Amino acid sequence: MPMIEMKSDVNESEGCLRGFCAVYHLGTVDYTTAYSLQQNLQEARIDGLIDDTILLLDHNPVITLGKSGNKNNVLVSQEYLKTQQGIDVLRTDRGGDVTFHNIGQIVAYFIVNIEDLGISVYQYVRSLEEIVIKTLEDFGITGDRDAQHPGVWVGNKKICAIGLNVTRGVSMHGFALNANNDLSITSYINPCGLHDRGVTSLRECLSQAVDMKTVVTSLLHKMDLILDVDIAFHEAGAQDPDFLKVF
């Protein structure tokens, strides 16, 4: 797997070592497979066996409920979704309510030791929002925060959902940025449990599809700057089954 070193591991302006983070771009990965991989990585990070790790990928259509999510925010039966639409509904251990994933979305799973970053979980969530907000700026889109609802908004529509699980100071899960994905799946849910707001995407905001490699490149640079870590990028690819067994 090729690796791109984006910076040296010394912050010359501060004269000290910066953190290191490996980012793996996996392509399309089944949700349950990615979830199991995250669990293994989180355990390895807690034990100090690996550095901070970020997974970039997308999923086949799936609807997920956070650990305290209200199942009534799924508006049709799970049987209908499974048999008629091919969409699984899964309960997971992240924070937040109901959300969705599908092809063309950019999902970023952060296996990160937040304590090593020297910030609180609240500040960490704000940092993830900032990564997305600054990325949107590269495309001429103004993203905003809502103090009551984590994530990133464009006007009254959510473009990026955020949900985390933090165990012994190490996070898993992360954000889902709508890029080129089909938003019609949202007709089956109240996204994030909200009844009065919509959902949007980069494609909808720009009235054209975006180049996914360009979006990923922008995200990588913002992760580097905002999390203050040196990024080592790996184009892994989910087509390599051995990669998913490494950890």
Protein backbone atom coordinates (compact mmCIF):
# COMPACT_ATOMS: atom_id res chain seq x y z
CA MET A 1 0.00 0.00 0.00
CA PRO A 2 1.52 3.37 -1.00
CA MET A 3 2.01 5.86 1.77
CA ILE A 4 2.22 9.63 1.45
CA GLU A 5 4.02 11.52 4.21
CA MET A 6 2.43 14.94 4.35
CA LYS A 7 4.81 16.56 6.85
CA SER A 8 7.79 15.79 9.01
CA ASP A 9 7.04 14.81 12.58
CA VAL A 10 8.56 17.99 13.96
CA ASN A 11 6.56 21.16 14.32
CA GLU A 12 9.26 23.69 13.55
CA SER A 13 7.21 26.62 14.80
CA GLU A 14 6.96 25.02 18.24
CA GLY A 15 10.16 22.99 18.21
CA CYS A 16 8.41 19.87 19.47
CA LEU A 17 7.15 16.52 18.25
CA ARG A 18 3.68 16.45 16.75
CA GLY A 19 1.26 13.58 16.96
CA PHE A 20 1.14 10.94 14.22
CA CYS A 21 -1.99 9.58 12.54
CA ALA A 22 -2.39 6.88 9.89
CA VAL A 23 -5.31 7.38 7.49
CA TYR A 24 -6.59 4.45 5.43
CA HIS A 25 -8.88 4.98 2.44
CA LEU A 26 -10.83 1.73 2.17
CA GLY A 27 -13.50 2.33 -0.47
CA THR A 28 -16.86 0.62 0.14
CA VAL A 29 -17.00 -1.57 3.25
CA ASP A 30 -19.98 -3.38 4.77
CA TYR A 31 -21.11 -1.56 7.92
CA THR A 32 -20.77 -4.54 10.26
CA THR A 33 -17.28 -5.31 8.92
CA ALA A 34 -16.19 -1.71 9.47
CA TYR A 35 -17.73 -1.72 12.95
CA SER A 36 -15.80 -4.85 13.94
CA LEU A 37 -12.60 -3.31 12.55
CA GLN A 38 -13.18 -0.16 14.58
CA GLN A 39 -13.64 -2.17 17.75
CA ASN A 40 -10.36 -4.00 17.17
CA LEU A 41 -8.55 -0.76 16.41
CA GLN A 42 -9.99 0.97 19.48
CA GLU A 43 -8.78 -1.86 21.71
CA ALA A 44 -5.35 -1.76 20.07
CA ARG A 45 -5.16 2.03 20.54
CA ILE A 46 -6.17 1.75 24.21
CA ASP A 47 -3.39 -0.80 24.69
CA GLY A 48 -0.88 1.45 22.93
CA LEU A 49 -0.26 -1.02 20.11
CA ILE A 50 -1.06 1.39 17.28
CA ASP A 51 -1.00 5.12 16.60
CA ASP A 52 -4.10 7.20 16.06
CA THR A 53 -5.92 5.87 13.01
CA ILE A 54 -8.61 7.25 10.73
CA LEU A 55 -10.63 5.16 8.28
CA LEU A 56 -12.16 6.84 5.21
CA LEU A 57 -14.83 4.82 3.41
CA ASP A 58 -18.44 4.56 2.39
CA HIS A 59 -21.13 1.96 3.03
CA ASN A 60 -23.85 0.26 1.06
CA PRO A 61 -27.24 1.68 2.15
CA VAL A 62 -27.79 1.24 5.87
CA ILE A 63 -29.67 3.06 8.64
CA THR A 64 -28.15 3.13 12.11
CA LEU A 65 -29.52 4.05 15.51
CA GLY A 66 -27.29 5.44 18.24
CA LYS A 67 -27.28 3.83 21.67
CA SER A 68 -30.02 6.19 22.87
CA GLY A 69 -31.68 6.64 19.49
CA ASN A 70 -35.47 6.52 19.25
CA LYS A 71 -36.61 3.71 16.96
CA ASN A 72 -39.74 5.74 16.18
CA ASN A 73 -37.51 8.01 14.10
CA VAL A 74 -37.38 5.17 11.58
CA LEU A 75 -40.65 5.88 9.79
CA VAL A 76 -41.26 2.58 8.02
CA SER A 77 -40.90 -1.04 9.12
CA GLN A 78 -37.51 -2.71 9.20
CA GLU A 79 -39.01 -5.57 7.20
CA TYR A 80 -40.02 -3.20 4.40
CA LEU A 81 -36.59 -1.57 4.38
CA LYS A 82 -34.82 -4.93 4.25
CA THR A 83 -37.01 -6.78 1.78
CA GLN A 84 -38.13 -3.94 -0.48
CA GLN A 85 -35.20 -1.54 -0.34
CA GLY A 86 -32.26 -3.72 0.70
CA ILE A 87 -31.51 -1.46 3.66
CA ASP A 88 -30.55 -2.88 7.05
CA VAL A 89 -31.45 -1.05 10.27
CA LEU A 90 -28.77 -1.55 12.92
CA ARG A 91 -28.36 -0.47 16.53
CA THR A 92 -24.85 0.73 17.29
CA ASP A 93 -22.91 2.18 20.24
CA ARG A 94 -22.26 5.71 19.02
CA GLY A 95 -23.95 8.78 20.43
CA GLY A 96 -26.78 10.48 18.59
CA ASP A 97 -30.06 9.31 17.12
CA VAL A 98 -30.83 7.85 13.70
CA THR A 99 -28.68 8.46 10.64
CA PHE A 100 -27.94 6.83 7.30
CA HIS A 101 -25.01 5.80 5.13
CA ASN A 102 -24.86 5.01 1.44
CA ILE A 103 -22.58 5.06 -1.58
CA GLY A 104 -21.09 8.47 -2.35
CA GLN A 105 -21.00 9.61 1.28
CA ILE A 106 -17.61 10.11 2.94
CA VAL A 107 -17.51 8.38 6.31
CA ALA A 108 -14.54 9.12 8.57
CA TYR A 109 -14.01 6.86 11.57
CA PHE A 110 -11.58 8.31 14.11
CA ILE A 111 -9.70 5.89 16.36
CA VAL A 112 -7.99 8.64 18.31
CA ASN A 113 -6.64 9.03 21.84
CA ILE A 114 -8.36 12.25 22.78
CA GLU A 115 -6.40 12.57 26.01
CA ASP A 116 -3.17 12.65 23.99
CA LEU A 117 -4.57 15.59 22.03
CA GLY A 118 -4.93 17.47 25.31
CA ILE A 119 -8.56 18.44 24.70
CA SER A 120 -11.96 17.51 26.09
CA VAL A 121 -14.51 15.38 24.26
CA TYR A 122 -16.55 18.54 23.69
CA GLN A 123 -13.56 20.26 22.10
CA TYR A 124 -12.87 17.14 20.05
CA VAL A 125 -16.38 17.20 18.58
CA ARG A 126 -15.90 20.89 17.75
CA SER A 127 -12.63 19.95 16.04
CA LEU A 128 -14.36 17.36 13.87
CA GLU A 129 -16.95 19.96 12.92
CA GLU A 130 -14.16 22.41 12.09
CA ILE A 131 -12.50 19.88 9.77
CA VAL A 132 -15.73 19.68 7.76
CA ILE A 133 -16.47 23.41 7.89
CA LYS A 134 -13.00 24.26 6.55
CA THR A 135 -13.32 21.58 3.86
CA LEU A 136 -16.64 23.04 2.73
CA GLU A 137 -14.95 26.44 2.43
CA ASP A 138 -12.66 24.95 -0.23
CA PHE A 139 -15.80 24.36 -2.31
CA GLY A 140 -17.32 27.78 -1.65
CA ILE A 141 -19.90 26.42 0.80
CA THR A 142 -20.58 28.01 4.19
CA GLY A 143 -21.05 25.43 6.91
CA ASP A 144 -22.30 26.26 10.40
CA ARG A 145 -22.65 24.68 13.82
CA ASP A 146 -25.75 24.27 15.98
CA ALA A 147 -24.96 24.40 19.70
CA GLN A 148 -27.77 21.93 20.44
CA HIS A 149 -27.02 19.39 17.72
CA PRO A 150 -23.51 18.15 16.83
CA GLY A 151 -22.73 18.15 13.13
CA VAL A 152 -22.40 20.66 10.32
CA TRP A 153 -25.25 22.53 8.68
CA VAL A 154 -25.76 24.51 5.50
CA GLY A 155 -28.63 26.80 6.30
CA ASN A 156 -31.37 24.63 7.79
CA LYS A 157 -30.03 21.41 6.26
CA LYS A 158 -27.50 19.03 7.74
CA ILE A 159 -24.61 18.12 5.49
CA CYS A 160 -22.54 16.17 8.03
CA ALA A 161 -23.63 14.01 10.98
CA ILE A 162 -21.33 13.31 13.93
CA GLY A 163 -21.54 10.54 16.52
CA LEU A 164 -18.88 9.05 18.80
CA ASN A 165 -18.12 6.33 21.26
CA VAL A 166 -15.31 7.15 23.70
CA THR A 167 -13.84 4.34 25.80
CA ARG A 168 -10.89 4.93 28.16
CA GLY A 169 -10.12 8.15 26.34
CA VAL A 170 -10.07 6.62 22.84
CA SER A 171 -12.76 7.42 20.29
CA MET A 172 -14.39 5.41 17.55
CA HIS A 173 -17.06 6.30 14.99
CA GLY A 174 -16.83 9.89 13.69
CA PHE A 175 -18.57 11.82 10.92
CA ALA A 176 -20.52 11.15 7.73
CA LEU A 177 -20.21 13.90 5.11
CA ASN A 178 -22.78 13.87 2.33
CA ALA A 179 -20.91 14.31 -0.95
CA ASN A 180 -22.38 12.62 -4.03
CA ASN A 181 -24.78 10.28 -2.26
CA ASP A 182 -28.50 9.84 -2.94
CA LEU A 183 -30.48 11.65 -0.24
CA SER A 184 -33.82 9.97 -0.96
CA ILE A 185 -33.02 7.44 1.79
CA THR A 186 -33.82 10.20 4.29
CA SER A 187 -37.53 9.85 3.45
CA TYR A 188 -37.51 6.74 5.67
CA ILE A 189 -36.18 8.50 8.80
CA ASN A 190 -36.17 11.67 10.86
CA PRO A 191 -32.45 12.34 10.38
CA CYS A 192 -30.73 12.77 13.76
CA GLY A 193 -34.21 12.64 15.30
CA LEU A 194 -35.16 16.07 13.94
CA HIS A 195 -38.57 16.62 12.37
CA ASP A 196 -38.21 20.15 11.06
CA ARG A 197 -34.87 20.20 9.24
CA GLY A 198 -33.59 18.80 5.99
CA VAL A 199 -30.46 17.14 4.70
CA THR A 200 -28.15 18.30 1.94
CA SER A 201 -24.93 17.28 0.19
CA LEU A 202 -22.01 18.80 -1.64
CA ARG A 203 -23.61 17.73 -4.91
CA GLU A 204 -26.89 19.42 -4.03
CA CYS A 205 -25.20 22.61 -2.84
CA LEU A 206 -23.07 22.86 -5.99
CA SER A 207 -25.70 21.53 -8.43
CA GLN A 208 -23.14 19.06 -9.73
CA ALA A 209 -21.19 16.03 -8.58
CA VAL A 210 -17.90 16.63 -6.80
CA ASP A 211 -14.60 14.87 -7.40
CA MET A 212 -14.25 12.57 -4.40
CA LYS A 213 -10.44 12.56 -4.48
CA THR A 214 -10.49 16.35 -4.23
CA VAL A 215 -12.78 16.19 -1.20
CA VAL A 216 -10.61 13.56 0.48
CA THR A 217 -7.47 15.62 -0.16
CA SER A 218 -9.10 18.66 1.44
CA LEU A 219 -10.22 16.62 4.44
CA LEU A 220 -6.70 15.25 4.93
CA HIS A 221 -5.16 18.72 5.01
CA LYS A 222 -7.78 19.95 7.48
CA MET A 223 -7.25 16.92 9.73
CA ASP A 224 -3.52 17.61 9.71
CA LEU A 225 -3.96 21.25 10.67
CA ILE A 226 -6.87 21.09 13.09
CA LEU A 227 -5.91 17.94 15.01
CA ASP A 228 -2.24 19.04 14.86
CA VAL A 229 -1.01 15.65 13.70
CA ASP A 230 1.18 14.40 10.90
CA ILE A 231 -0.88 12.37 8.44
CA ALA A 232 0.40 9.23 6.72
CA PHE A 233 -2.12 8.39 4.00
CA HIS A 234 -2.63 4.81 2.77
CA GLU A 235 -4.76 3.93 -0.25
CA ALA A 236 -5.79 0.55 1.13
CA GLY A 237 -8.94 -0.46 -0.68
CA ALA A 238 -11.59 -2.76 0.71
CA GLN A 239 -10.91 -5.11 -2.19
CA ASP A 240 -7.91 -6.31 -0.20
CA PRO A 241 -9.53 -8.72 2.31
CA ASP A 242 -6.27 -9.21 4.20
CA PHE A 243 -6.22 -5.55 5.20
CA LEU A 244 -9.39 -5.93 7.21
CA LYS A 245 -7.73 -8.74 9.19
CA VAL A 246 -4.49 -6.91 9.97
CA PHE A 247 -5.77 -5.51 13.23
